[in-house]
Structure formats: C-alpha cells, structure tokens
Amino acid sequence: MIAAALTGFATGFSLILAIGAQNAFVLRQGLARAHVFWLCLFCAASDAILITAGVLGFGVIVTLFPAFPRIMALAGAAFLFVYGLQRLIAAWRGDYALHFSGQTKALWPTLATAAAFTWLNPHVYLDTLGLIGAVSTDFHDAGLKTAFGTGAVVSSFVFFFSLGYGARLLGPVMQSARAWRMLDTLIGLVMWMLAVKLLS
C-alpha cells in the first residue's frame, strides 16, 4: 500500500512540476498574496477530480471522442493568448499602484481564471486521464489502485499549497514595480509560447 501511494505521489508530482500556465498564475497570486488558499484549494481539488477519473478508467473518453483534444487545444490557445496579452500590457503600462496598495481582483474572477487555466488545458487531461490513468493499471488490486490515486491527489495538494505560500519567500525581491514588470513580461511570453505549442 505504501509503495503504491509513493508511486502515485511521485508520478503526480513529476507531471505537475513542469512550469505551465496554471503554475505561473498560482505563483503570481502567491506573490501578490491574493486569495492564495482558495486558489490552491481549487487547483488541487480540480486535479483530484481528474486524477480520480483517470484512475477509475475514464481515459477512454479521448478514444471515444477523437476531436476532444483538438477542441480543447484551440480553446486553451485562445485563452492563453488573451491572458498573455493582458500580462504584457500590464508590464508595458507599469502601473502597479493598486497592487502595492493591496487591491487585487475579487475571489470569483480569480477562480474563474484558474478554472480556464485548468479545464481548458488539454495537457491536464493527458496527464491525469491519460498518463496517471495508464500507470494506475499496473495496480490490479482495488486497495493498491486506491492508494496510488490517493498518493497522486496528495502530491497535487502538496505542490499547489507549497507553490502558493512558498511564493512569499520571494516577497522581498518583488517590492518594486520593475520586478513586477519583469515577472508579467516573463509570464506573458510563457503564455504565448504555450499557446503556440498547443496549436502545433
């Protein structure tokens, strides 16, 4: 049981560790200290739903609906392009007065953005429904399969909460508008690169 859980944890953590749109958004919100708990909870819970679906064998959805990945890729690329443009415009304007005064977007718009990063990203379906689901087939016993899935879900919670709250360690570095302009520029360019990657 422990070995299965550790395998699930390692598998889930290694897949989520790569820098992506969702991770960049959580990092930015963590630096801004805005709705960190609810954002991390939403992202981890979304992963938990998808991981559970993958372990239960719903990875066949992609096989049954071949157009599904392409549709999600187009929708995801469009969203990433628009969000990347917003970040680049914010960096160009360089007006972070509201940010430094502690004013940020409300909770629901923040969670809506996180939802788009999560559910419009075809890679999340590949990782959870596909890869994690495929690895879980190595465990035929229901108990071991459950332990594997639990380990993968725990890895998601550990990762997002570590990223969201760990971002505060960079707080002293992010005390100037110049630092935030650099971060927004980097995030904007990453979003555009990911959009191009989805389309290709």
N, C-alpha and C. Protein backbone atom coordinates (compact mmCIF):
# COMPACT_ATOMS: atom_id res chain seq x y z
N MET A 1 0.82 -1.21 0.00
CA MET A 1 0.00 0.00 0.00
C MET A 1 0.86 1.27 0.00
N ILE A 2 1.89 1.25 0.85
CA ILE A 2 2.76 2.42 0.95
C ILE A 2 3.52 2.62 -0.36
N ALA A 3 4.00 1.52 -0.95
CA ALA A 3 4.73 1.62 -2.21
C ALA A 3 3.84 2.17 -3.31
N ALA A 4 2.59 1.73 -3.35
CA ALA A 4 1.64 2.21 -4.36
C ALA A 4 1.37 3.70 -4.17
N ALA A 5 1.20 4.11 -2.90
CA ALA A 5 0.94 5.52 -2.61
C ALA A 5 2.13 6.39 -2.99
N LEU A 6 3.34 5.92 -2.69
CA LEU A 6 4.55 6.67 -3.04
C LEU A 6 4.71 6.76 -4.55
N THR A 7 4.37 5.68 -5.25
CA THR A 7 4.43 5.70 -6.71
C THR A 7 3.45 6.74 -7.26
N GLY A 8 2.24 6.78 -6.70
CA GLY A 8 1.25 7.76 -7.11
C GLY A 8 1.71 9.18 -6.83
N PHE A 9 2.29 9.38 -5.66
CA PHE A 9 2.79 10.71 -5.28
C PHE A 9 3.89 11.16 -6.24
N ALA A 10 4.86 10.27 -6.50
CA ALA A 10 5.98 10.61 -7.38
C ALA A 10 5.50 10.87 -8.80
N THR A 11 4.56 10.05 -9.28
CA THR A 11 4.04 10.22 -10.62
C THR A 11 3.31 11.55 -10.76
N GLY A 12 2.42 11.83 -9.82
CA GLY A 12 1.66 13.08 -9.87
C GLY A 12 2.55 14.29 -9.74
N PHE A 13 3.51 14.25 -8.82
CA PHE A 13 4.39 15.39 -8.58
C PHE A 13 5.27 15.67 -9.78
N SER A 14 5.79 14.62 -10.40
CA SER A 14 6.67 14.82 -11.56
C SER A 14 5.92 15.42 -12.74
N LEU A 15 4.64 15.06 -12.90
CA LEU A 15 3.86 15.59 -14.01
C LEU A 15 3.47 17.05 -13.80
N ILE A 16 3.19 17.41 -12.55
CA ILE A 16 2.72 18.76 -12.27
C ILE A 16 3.86 19.76 -12.07
N LEU A 17 5.06 19.25 -11.91
CA LEU A 17 6.21 20.10 -11.59
C LEU A 17 6.61 21.03 -12.72
N ALA A 18 6.35 20.63 -13.96
CA ALA A 18 6.75 21.45 -15.10
C ALA A 18 6.06 22.81 -15.05
N ILE A 19 6.82 23.85 -15.44
CA ILE A 19 6.27 25.20 -15.44
C ILE A 19 5.21 25.31 -16.53
N GLY A 20 4.02 25.65 -16.12
CA GLY A 20 2.92 25.79 -17.07
C GLY A 20 2.09 27.02 -16.74
N ALA A 21 1.02 27.23 -17.51
CA ALA A 21 0.19 28.41 -17.33
C ALA A 21 -0.43 28.45 -15.93
N GLN A 22 -0.96 27.33 -15.50
CA GLN A 22 -1.61 27.26 -14.19
C GLN A 22 -0.62 27.55 -13.06
N ASN A 23 0.56 26.95 -13.15
CA ASN A 23 1.58 27.16 -12.11
C ASN A 23 2.04 28.61 -12.06
N ALA A 24 2.20 29.22 -13.25
CA ALA A 24 2.62 30.62 -13.31
C ALA A 24 1.57 31.53 -12.68
N PHE A 25 0.31 31.21 -12.90
CA PHE A 25 -0.78 32.00 -12.33
C PHE A 25 -0.80 31.87 -10.81
N VAL A 26 -0.65 30.64 -10.31
CA VAL A 26 -0.63 30.43 -8.85
C VAL A 26 0.57 31.15 -8.24
N LEU A 27 1.72 31.10 -8.91
CA LEU A 27 2.91 31.79 -8.42
C LEU A 27 2.67 33.29 -8.32
N ARG A 28 2.06 33.87 -9.35
CA ARG A 28 1.81 35.30 -9.36
C ARG A 28 0.85 35.69 -8.23
N GLN A 29 -0.21 34.90 -8.06
CA GLN A 29 -1.16 35.19 -6.99
C GLN A 29 -0.51 35.01 -5.61
N GLY A 30 0.39 34.03 -5.52
CA GLY A 30 1.10 33.83 -4.26
C GLY A 30 1.98 35.01 -3.92
N LEU A 31 2.63 35.56 -4.93
CA LEU A 31 3.46 36.75 -4.72
C LEU A 31 2.61 37.95 -4.31
N ALA A 32 1.42 38.03 -4.91
CA ALA A 32 0.52 39.13 -4.59
C ALA A 32 -0.24 38.88 -3.28
N ARG A 33 -0.15 37.65 -2.76
CA ARG A 33 -0.85 37.25 -1.54
C ARG A 33 -2.35 37.48 -1.67
N ALA A 34 -2.88 37.10 -2.81
CA ALA A 34 -4.29 37.34 -3.10
C ALA A 34 -5.04 36.02 -3.28
N HIS A 35 -5.96 35.73 -2.39
CA HIS A 35 -6.82 34.54 -2.47
C HIS A 35 -6.01 33.25 -2.60
N VAL A 36 -4.88 33.18 -1.95
CA VAL A 36 -3.96 32.04 -2.11
C VAL A 36 -4.60 30.73 -1.69
N PHE A 37 -5.22 30.71 -0.51
CA PHE A 37 -5.79 29.46 -0.01
C PHE A 37 -6.84 28.91 -0.96
N TRP A 38 -7.81 29.75 -1.34
CA TRP A 38 -8.91 29.28 -2.18
C TRP A 38 -8.43 28.90 -3.57
N LEU A 39 -7.44 29.63 -4.08
CA LEU A 39 -6.89 29.32 -5.39
C LEU A 39 -6.18 27.97 -5.36
N CYS A 40 -5.35 27.75 -4.37
CA CYS A 40 -4.63 26.47 -4.25
C CYS A 40 -5.61 25.32 -4.04
N LEU A 41 -6.63 25.56 -3.22
CA LEU A 41 -7.63 24.54 -2.98
C LEU A 41 -8.38 24.19 -4.27
N PHE A 42 -8.73 25.21 -5.04
CA PHE A 42 -9.45 24.97 -6.30
C PHE A 42 -8.61 24.16 -7.27
N CYS A 43 -7.35 24.55 -7.44
CA CYS A 43 -6.47 23.85 -8.39
C CYS A 43 -6.24 22.41 -7.96
N ALA A 44 -5.98 22.21 -6.67
CA ALA A 44 -5.72 20.85 -6.17
C ALA A 44 -6.99 20.00 -6.25
N ALA A 45 -8.13 20.59 -5.92
CA ALA A 45 -9.39 19.84 -5.99
C ALA A 45 -9.73 19.46 -7.43
N SER A 46 -9.45 20.37 -8.36
CA SER A 46 -9.68 20.07 -9.78
C SER A 46 -8.82 18.90 -10.22
N ASP A 47 -7.56 18.93 -9.80
CA ASP A 47 -6.66 17.82 -10.10
C ASP A 47 -7.17 16.52 -9.50
N ALA A 48 -7.69 16.61 -8.27
CA ALA A 48 -8.19 15.42 -7.58
C ALA A 48 -9.33 14.78 -8.38
N ILE A 49 -10.22 15.62 -8.92
CA ILE A 49 -11.34 15.11 -9.72
C ILE A 49 -10.82 14.41 -10.97
N LEU A 50 -9.87 15.04 -11.65
CA LEU A 50 -9.34 14.48 -12.89
C LEU A 50 -8.52 13.22 -12.64
N ILE A 51 -7.73 13.23 -11.57
CA ILE A 51 -6.92 12.06 -11.23
C ILE A 51 -7.82 10.88 -10.89
N THR A 52 -8.86 11.16 -10.12
CA THR A 52 -9.80 10.10 -9.76
C THR A 52 -10.46 9.51 -11.01
N ALA A 53 -10.83 10.39 -11.93
CA ALA A 53 -11.44 9.92 -13.19
C ALA A 53 -10.45 9.07 -13.97
N GLY A 54 -9.18 9.48 -13.99
CA GLY A 54 -8.17 8.72 -14.71
C GLY A 54 -7.94 7.35 -14.11
N VAL A 55 -7.87 7.30 -12.77
CA VAL A 55 -7.63 6.03 -12.08
C VAL A 55 -8.83 5.09 -12.25
N LEU A 56 -10.02 5.67 -12.32
CA LEU A 56 -11.22 4.84 -12.49
C LEU A 56 -11.39 4.34 -13.92
N GLY A 57 -10.53 4.82 -14.81
CA GLY A 57 -10.55 4.30 -16.18
C GLY A 57 -11.28 5.14 -17.20
N PHE A 58 -11.50 6.41 -16.89
CA PHE A 58 -12.21 7.26 -17.83
C PHE A 58 -11.30 7.84 -18.92
N GLY A 59 -10.06 7.36 -18.96
CA GLY A 59 -9.16 7.81 -20.01
C GLY A 59 -9.65 7.45 -21.39
N VAL A 60 -10.61 6.55 -21.46
CA VAL A 60 -11.15 6.14 -22.77
C VAL A 60 -11.97 7.25 -23.42
N ILE A 61 -12.25 8.33 -22.66
CA ILE A 61 -13.01 9.45 -23.22
C ILE A 61 -12.32 9.99 -24.47
N VAL A 62 -10.99 10.11 -24.38
CA VAL A 62 -10.23 10.63 -25.51
C VAL A 62 -10.34 9.69 -26.70
N THR A 63 -10.39 8.40 -26.43
CA THR A 63 -10.51 7.42 -27.51
C THR A 63 -11.90 7.48 -28.15
N LEU A 64 -12.91 7.68 -27.31
CA LEU A 64 -14.28 7.73 -27.80
C LEU A 64 -14.58 9.02 -28.56
N PHE A 65 -13.90 10.10 -28.16
CA PHE A 65 -14.11 11.40 -28.81
C PHE A 65 -12.78 11.94 -29.32
N PRO A 66 -12.33 11.49 -30.47
CA PRO A 66 -11.02 11.86 -31.02
C PRO A 66 -10.83 13.37 -31.21
N ALA A 67 -11.94 14.12 -31.44
CA ALA A 67 -11.83 15.55 -31.67
C ALA A 67 -11.66 16.34 -30.37
N PHE A 68 -11.89 15.69 -29.24
CA PHE A 68 -11.84 16.37 -27.95
C PHE A 68 -10.51 17.09 -27.69
N PRO A 69 -9.35 16.43 -27.88
CA PRO A 69 -8.08 17.11 -27.63
C PRO A 69 -7.89 18.36 -28.49
N ARG A 70 -8.31 18.29 -29.76
CA ARG A 70 -8.13 19.43 -30.67
C ARG A 70 -9.01 20.60 -30.26
N ILE A 71 -10.23 20.30 -29.88
CA ILE A 71 -11.15 21.36 -29.45
C ILE A 71 -10.61 22.07 -28.21
N MET A 72 -10.12 21.28 -27.25
CA MET A 72 -9.56 21.85 -26.03
C MET A 72 -8.29 22.63 -26.32
N ALA A 73 -7.50 22.16 -27.27
CA ALA A 73 -6.26 22.86 -27.63
C ALA A 73 -6.56 24.23 -28.22
N LEU A 74 -7.55 24.32 -29.09
CA LEU A 74 -7.91 25.60 -29.71
C LEU A 74 -8.45 26.58 -28.67
N ALA A 75 -9.34 26.08 -27.80
CA ALA A 75 -9.90 26.93 -26.75
C ALA A 75 -8.81 27.37 -25.77
N GLY A 76 -7.94 26.44 -25.41
CA GLY A 76 -6.86 26.76 -24.49
C GLY A 76 -5.87 27.76 -25.07
N ALA A 77 -5.53 27.60 -26.34
CA ALA A 77 -4.59 28.50 -27.00
C ALA A 77 -5.16 29.91 -27.06
N ALA A 78 -6.45 30.03 -27.36
CA ALA A 78 -7.09 31.34 -27.42
C ALA A 78 -7.03 32.02 -26.05
N PHE A 79 -7.35 31.26 -25.01
CA PHE A 79 -7.32 31.83 -23.66
C PHE A 79 -5.90 32.25 -23.27
N LEU A 80 -4.92 31.39 -23.54
CA LEU A 80 -3.53 31.70 -23.20
C LEU A 80 -3.04 32.95 -23.92
N PHE A 81 -3.44 33.10 -25.18
CA PHE A 81 -3.02 34.28 -25.95
C PHE A 81 -3.58 35.55 -25.33
N VAL A 82 -4.88 35.53 -24.99
CA VAL A 82 -5.51 36.71 -24.40
C VAL A 82 -4.91 37.03 -23.04
N TYR A 83 -4.72 36.02 -22.19
CA TYR A 83 -4.15 36.26 -20.86
C TYR A 83 -2.71 36.76 -20.99
N GLY A 84 -1.94 36.17 -21.92
CA GLY A 84 -0.57 36.62 -22.14
C GLY A 84 -0.53 38.07 -22.58
N LEU A 85 -1.48 38.45 -23.44
CA LEU A 85 -1.56 39.84 -23.90
C LEU A 85 -1.87 40.78 -22.74
N GLN A 86 -2.75 40.35 -21.85
CA GLN A 86 -3.09 41.16 -20.68
C GLN A 86 -1.87 41.40 -19.80
N ARG A 87 -1.07 40.35 -19.61
CA ARG A 87 0.13 40.48 -18.78
C ARG A 87 1.16 41.40 -19.44
N LEU A 88 1.32 41.28 -20.75
CA LEU A 88 2.28 42.13 -21.46
C LEU A 88 1.83 43.58 -21.45
N ILE A 89 0.53 43.82 -21.57
CA ILE A 89 0.01 45.19 -21.50
C ILE A 89 0.23 45.76 -20.10
N ALA A 90 0.00 44.92 -19.07
CA ALA A 90 0.23 45.37 -17.69
C ALA A 90 1.69 45.73 -17.48
N ALA A 91 2.59 44.92 -18.05
CA ALA A 91 4.03 45.20 -17.92
C ALA A 91 4.40 46.48 -18.65
N TRP A 92 3.80 46.70 -19.80
CA TRP A 92 4.09 47.90 -20.59
C TRP A 92 3.62 49.17 -19.87
N ARG A 93 2.43 49.09 -19.28
CA ARG A 93 1.90 50.24 -18.56
C ARG A 93 2.66 50.48 -17.26
N GLY A 94 3.00 49.40 -16.58
CA GLY A 94 3.79 49.51 -15.36
C GLY A 94 3.08 50.18 -14.20
N ASP A 95 1.76 50.18 -14.23
CA ASP A 95 1.00 50.83 -13.16
C ASP A 95 0.60 49.79 -12.12
N TYR A 96 1.38 49.71 -11.06
CA TYR A 96 1.13 48.72 -10.01
C TYR A 96 0.72 49.38 -8.70
N ALA A 97 0.18 50.60 -8.82
CA ALA A 97 -0.21 51.33 -7.61
C ALA A 97 -1.28 50.58 -6.83
N LEU A 98 -2.30 50.09 -7.54
CA LEU A 98 -3.36 49.35 -6.86
C LEU A 98 -2.83 48.07 -6.24
N HIS A 99 -1.86 47.46 -6.94
CA HIS A 99 -1.29 46.20 -6.44
C HIS A 99 -0.56 46.43 -5.13
N PHE A 100 0.26 47.50 -5.08
CA PHE A 100 1.03 47.76 -3.86
C PHE A 100 0.15 48.27 -2.73
N SER A 101 -1.04 48.77 -3.07
CA SER A 101 -1.96 49.22 -2.02
C SER A 101 -2.77 48.06 -1.47
N GLY A 102 -2.54 46.87 -2.05
CA GLY A 102 -3.22 45.68 -1.55
C GLY A 102 -4.52 45.36 -2.26
N GLN A 103 -4.87 46.13 -3.30
CA GLN A 103 -6.11 45.89 -4.01
C GLN A 103 -5.86 44.92 -5.17
N THR A 104 -6.61 43.85 -5.20
CA THR A 104 -6.47 42.85 -6.25
C THR A 104 -7.85 42.46 -6.76
N LYS A 105 -7.89 41.60 -7.75
CA LYS A 105 -9.16 41.11 -8.27
C LYS A 105 -9.92 40.36 -7.19
N ALA A 106 -11.24 40.38 -7.32
CA ALA A 106 -12.07 39.67 -6.37
C ALA A 106 -11.85 38.16 -6.49
N LEU A 107 -12.38 37.42 -5.52
CA LEU A 107 -12.16 35.98 -5.46
C LEU A 107 -12.73 35.26 -6.68
N TRP A 108 -13.99 35.56 -7.04
CA TRP A 108 -14.63 34.79 -8.11
C TRP A 108 -13.97 34.99 -9.48
N PRO A 109 -13.59 36.22 -9.86
CA PRO A 109 -12.84 36.36 -11.12
C PRO A 109 -11.51 35.62 -11.09
N THR A 110 -10.88 35.59 -9.92
CA THR A 110 -9.61 34.87 -9.79
C THR A 110 -9.81 33.37 -10.00
N LEU A 111 -10.87 32.83 -9.38
CA LEU A 111 -11.15 31.40 -9.53
C LEU A 111 -11.60 31.07 -10.95
N ALA A 112 -12.29 32.01 -11.60
CA ALA A 112 -12.72 31.80 -12.98
C ALA A 112 -11.51 31.70 -13.90
N THR A 113 -10.51 32.54 -13.65
CA THR A 113 -9.28 32.47 -14.44
C THR A 113 -8.57 31.15 -14.19
N ALA A 114 -8.51 30.73 -12.93
CA ALA A 114 -7.88 29.45 -12.59
C ALA A 114 -8.62 28.30 -13.26
N ALA A 115 -9.95 28.39 -13.33
CA ALA A 115 -10.74 27.34 -13.96
C ALA A 115 -10.40 27.23 -15.44
N ALA A 116 -10.21 28.38 -16.08
CA ALA A 116 -9.85 28.36 -17.50
C ALA A 116 -8.46 27.74 -17.69
N PHE A 117 -7.52 28.12 -16.83
CA PHE A 117 -6.17 27.54 -16.92
C PHE A 117 -6.21 26.03 -16.71
N THR A 118 -7.10 25.57 -15.87
CA THR A 118 -7.17 24.15 -15.54
C THR A 118 -7.94 23.35 -16.57
N TRP A 119 -9.18 23.75 -16.81
CA TRP A 119 -10.09 22.92 -17.60
C TRP A 119 -10.00 23.16 -19.11
N LEU A 120 -9.32 24.24 -19.53
CA LEU A 120 -9.13 24.47 -20.97
C LEU A 120 -7.75 24.04 -21.43
N ASN A 121 -7.03 23.39 -20.54
CA ASN A 121 -5.68 22.93 -20.86
C ASN A 121 -5.72 21.44 -21.24
N PRO A 122 -5.57 21.12 -22.52
CA PRO A 122 -5.65 19.71 -22.92
C PRO A 122 -4.56 18.84 -22.30
N HIS A 123 -3.46 19.47 -21.88
CA HIS A 123 -2.36 18.70 -21.28
C HIS A 123 -2.76 18.12 -19.93
N VAL A 124 -3.66 18.83 -19.24
CA VAL A 124 -4.08 18.31 -17.94
C VAL A 124 -4.86 17.00 -18.11
N TYR A 125 -5.58 16.88 -19.23
CA TYR A 125 -6.31 15.65 -19.49
C TYR A 125 -5.35 14.52 -19.88
N LEU A 126 -4.32 14.90 -20.61
CA LEU A 126 -3.31 13.90 -20.98
C LEU A 126 -2.60 13.38 -19.74
N ASP A 127 -2.25 14.31 -18.83
CA ASP A 127 -1.52 13.92 -17.62
C ASP A 127 -2.37 13.10 -16.65
N THR A 128 -3.62 13.55 -16.44
CA THR A 128 -4.46 12.91 -15.42
C THR A 128 -5.25 11.73 -15.97
N LEU A 129 -6.07 12.00 -16.98
CA LEU A 129 -6.88 10.91 -17.54
C LEU A 129 -6.02 9.90 -18.28
N GLY A 130 -4.97 10.40 -18.94
CA GLY A 130 -4.14 9.52 -19.75
C GLY A 130 -3.01 8.86 -18.99
N LEU A 131 -1.98 9.66 -18.64
CA LEU A 131 -0.75 9.10 -18.06
C LEU A 131 -0.97 8.49 -16.68
N ILE A 132 -1.59 9.27 -15.77
CA ILE A 132 -1.82 8.73 -14.43
C ILE A 132 -2.77 7.55 -14.50
N GLY A 133 -3.79 7.66 -15.36
CA GLY A 133 -4.71 6.55 -15.54
C GLY A 133 -4.02 5.31 -16.05
N ALA A 134 -3.06 5.51 -16.98
CA ALA A 134 -2.32 4.38 -17.55
C ALA A 134 -1.43 3.72 -16.51
N VAL A 135 -0.72 4.53 -15.71
CA VAL A 135 0.17 3.98 -14.68
C VAL A 135 -0.64 3.22 -13.63
N SER A 136 -1.84 3.70 -13.36
CA SER A 136 -2.67 3.05 -12.32
C SER A 136 -3.08 1.63 -12.72
N THR A 137 -3.03 1.33 -14.02
CA THR A 137 -3.41 -0.02 -14.47
C THR A 137 -2.40 -1.07 -14.01
N ASP A 138 -1.23 -0.62 -13.54
CA ASP A 138 -0.24 -1.57 -13.02
C ASP A 138 -0.71 -2.17 -11.69
N PHE A 139 -1.68 -1.52 -11.06
CA PHE A 139 -2.18 -1.97 -9.77
C PHE A 139 -3.57 -2.56 -9.97
N HIS A 140 -3.64 -3.88 -9.95
CA HIS A 140 -4.91 -4.56 -10.23
C HIS A 140 -5.81 -4.64 -9.00
N ASP A 141 -5.19 -4.70 -7.83
CA ASP A 141 -5.96 -4.76 -6.59
C ASP A 141 -6.62 -3.41 -6.32
N ALA A 142 -7.88 -3.42 -5.94
CA ALA A 142 -8.62 -2.17 -5.69
C ALA A 142 -7.96 -1.32 -4.61
N GLY A 143 -7.45 -1.98 -3.57
CA GLY A 143 -6.80 -1.26 -2.49
C GLY A 143 -5.54 -0.56 -2.94
N LEU A 144 -4.74 -1.24 -3.74
CA LEU A 144 -3.50 -0.65 -4.25
C LEU A 144 -3.79 0.48 -5.23
N LYS A 145 -4.82 0.28 -6.06
CA LYS A 145 -5.20 1.32 -7.01
C LYS A 145 -5.66 2.58 -6.27
N THR A 146 -6.40 2.38 -5.19
CA THR A 146 -6.87 3.50 -4.38
C THR A 146 -5.69 4.22 -3.73
N ALA A 147 -4.73 3.44 -3.22
CA ALA A 147 -3.54 4.03 -2.60
C ALA A 147 -2.75 4.84 -3.62
N PHE A 148 -2.63 4.32 -4.85
CA PHE A 148 -1.92 5.03 -5.92
C PHE A 148 -2.62 6.36 -6.22
N GLY A 149 -3.94 6.30 -6.39
CA GLY A 149 -4.70 7.51 -6.69
C GLY A 149 -4.62 8.52 -5.56
N THR A 150 -4.67 8.04 -4.32
CA THR A 150 -4.57 8.93 -3.16
C THR A 150 -3.22 9.62 -3.14
N GLY A 151 -2.16 8.86 -3.43
CA GLY A 151 -0.81 9.45 -3.47
C GLY A 151 -0.71 10.54 -4.51
N ALA A 152 -1.32 10.31 -5.68
CA ALA A 152 -1.28 11.31 -6.76
C ALA A 152 -2.06 12.57 -6.37
N VAL A 153 -3.20 12.37 -5.72
CA VAL A 153 -4.01 13.51 -5.28
C VAL A 153 -3.27 14.32 -4.21
N VAL A 154 -2.65 13.63 -3.25
CA VAL A 154 -1.89 14.30 -2.19
C VAL A 154 -0.75 15.13 -2.79
N SER A 155 -0.10 14.59 -3.83
CA SER A 155 1.01 15.32 -4.46
C SER A 155 0.53 16.65 -5.02
N SER A 156 -0.68 16.66 -5.56
CA SER A 156 -1.24 17.90 -6.12
C SER A 156 -1.48 18.93 -5.02
N PHE A 157 -2.05 18.48 -3.90
CA PHE A 157 -2.29 19.40 -2.79
C PHE A 157 -0.97 19.94 -2.24
N VAL A 158 0.01 19.07 -2.08
CA VAL A 158 1.32 19.49 -1.57
C VAL A 158 1.96 20.50 -2.51
N PHE A 159 1.90 20.23 -3.80
CA PHE A 159 2.53 21.10 -4.78
C PHE A 159 1.90 22.49 -4.80
N PHE A 160 0.58 22.56 -4.96
CA PHE A 160 -0.06 23.86 -5.11
C PHE A 160 0.03 24.72 -3.87
N PHE A 161 -0.15 24.11 -2.70
CA PHE A 161 -0.05 24.91 -1.48
C PHE A 161 1.40 25.34 -1.21
N SER A 162 2.36 24.50 -1.60
CA SER A 162 3.77 24.88 -1.45
C SER A 162 4.11 26.02 -2.40
N LEU A 163 3.59 25.94 -3.62
CA LEU A 163 3.85 26.99 -4.61
C LEU A 163 3.19 28.30 -4.22
N GLY A 164 1.91 28.21 -3.82
CA GLY A 164 1.17 29.41 -3.48
C GLY A 164 1.74 30.14 -2.27
N TYR A 165 2.00 29.40 -1.21
CA TYR A 165 2.51 30.04 0.01
C TYR A 165 4.03 30.20 -0.01
N GLY A 166 4.71 29.31 -0.73
CA GLY A 166 6.17 29.44 -0.85
C GLY A 166 6.59 30.66 -1.64
N ALA A 167 5.68 31.15 -2.51
CA ALA A 167 5.99 32.33 -3.32
C ALA A 167 6.30 33.54 -2.45
N ARG A 168 5.78 33.52 -1.22
CA ARG A 168 6.01 34.65 -0.32
C ARG A 168 7.49 34.83 0.03
N LEU A 169 8.24 33.76 -0.12
CA LEU A 169 9.68 33.86 0.16
C LEU A 169 10.35 34.81 -0.81
N LEU A 170 9.72 35.00 -1.98
CA LEU A 170 10.27 35.93 -2.97
C LEU A 170 9.77 37.36 -2.74
N GLY A 171 8.95 37.54 -1.69
CA GLY A 171 8.37 38.84 -1.41
C GLY A 171 9.35 40.00 -1.38
N PRO A 172 10.48 39.86 -0.67
CA PRO A 172 11.43 40.98 -0.61
C PRO A 172 11.97 41.39 -1.98
N VAL A 173 12.02 40.44 -2.91
CA VAL A 173 12.53 40.74 -4.25
C VAL A 173 11.49 41.47 -5.08
N MET A 174 10.20 41.27 -4.72
CA MET A 174 9.10 41.81 -5.54
C MET A 174 8.50 43.09 -4.94
N GLN A 175 9.36 43.94 -4.40
CA GLN A 175 8.87 45.17 -3.78
C GLN A 175 8.93 46.38 -4.70
N SER A 176 9.26 46.17 -5.96
CA SER A 176 9.34 47.30 -6.90
C SER A 176 8.49 47.02 -8.12
N ALA A 177 8.04 48.09 -8.76
CA ALA A 177 7.24 47.96 -9.99
C ALA A 177 8.08 47.31 -11.09
N ARG A 178 9.38 47.57 -11.09
CA ARG A 178 10.26 46.99 -12.11
C ARG A 178 10.26 45.46 -12.03
N ALA A 179 10.32 44.93 -10.81
CA ALA A 179 10.32 43.48 -10.63
C ALA A 179 9.01 42.87 -11.12
N TRP A 180 7.89 43.55 -10.84
CA TRP A 180 6.60 43.04 -11.29
C TRP A 180 6.46 43.15 -12.81
N ARG A 181 7.06 44.19 -13.40
CA ARG A 181 7.03 44.32 -14.86
C ARG A 181 7.80 43.17 -15.51
N MET A 182 8.93 42.82 -14.91
CA MET A 182 9.72 41.71 -15.43
C MET A 182 8.95 40.40 -15.31
N LEU A 183 8.29 40.20 -14.15
CA LEU A 183 7.52 38.98 -13.94
C LEU A 183 6.36 38.89 -14.94
N ASP A 184 5.62 39.99 -15.11
CA ASP A 184 4.49 39.98 -16.04
C ASP A 184 4.95 39.77 -17.48
N THR A 185 6.08 40.34 -17.83
CA THR A 185 6.63 40.14 -19.17
C THR A 185 6.97 38.67 -19.39
N LEU A 186 7.63 38.08 -18.40
CA LEU A 186 8.00 36.67 -18.49
C LEU A 186 6.76 35.79 -18.59
N ILE A 187 5.76 36.05 -17.73
CA ILE A 187 4.53 35.26 -17.75
C ILE A 187 3.81 35.42 -19.09
N GLY A 188 3.75 36.65 -19.59
CA GLY A 188 3.09 36.89 -20.87
C GLY A 188 3.74 36.12 -22.00
N LEU A 189 5.06 36.12 -22.04
CA LEU A 189 5.78 35.40 -23.09
C LEU A 189 5.62 33.88 -22.95
N VAL A 190 5.63 33.40 -21.71
CA VAL A 190 5.41 31.97 -21.47
C VAL A 190 4.02 31.56 -21.95
N MET A 191 3.01 32.40 -21.67
CA MET A 191 1.64 32.10 -22.11
C MET A 191 1.58 31.99 -23.63
N TRP A 192 2.25 32.91 -24.32
CA TRP A 192 2.24 32.89 -25.79
C TRP A 192 2.96 31.66 -26.33
N MET A 193 4.07 31.30 -25.68
CA MET A 193 4.80 30.10 -26.13
C MET A 193 3.95 28.84 -25.94
N LEU A 194 3.23 28.79 -24.81
CA LEU A 194 2.37 27.64 -24.56
C LEU A 194 1.20 27.61 -25.55
N ALA A 195 0.71 28.79 -25.93
CA ALA A 195 -0.38 28.86 -26.90
C ALA A 195 0.08 28.32 -28.26
N VAL A 196 1.28 28.72 -28.66
CA VAL A 196 1.83 28.25 -29.93
C VAL A 196 2.05 26.74 -29.88
N LYS A 197 2.54 26.27 -28.73
CA LYS A 197 2.77 24.83 -28.57
C LYS A 197 1.47 24.05 -28.68
N LEU A 198 0.40 24.59 -28.12
CA LEU A 198 -0.90 23.90 -28.20
C LEU A 198 -1.38 23.82 -29.65
N LEU A 199 -1.17 24.89 -30.40
CA LEU A 199 -1.63 24.93 -31.78
C LEU A 199 -0.81 24.03 -32.70
N SER A 200 0.43 23.80 -32.28
CA SER A 200 1.31 22.97 -33.12
C SER A 200 1.17 21.49 -32.77
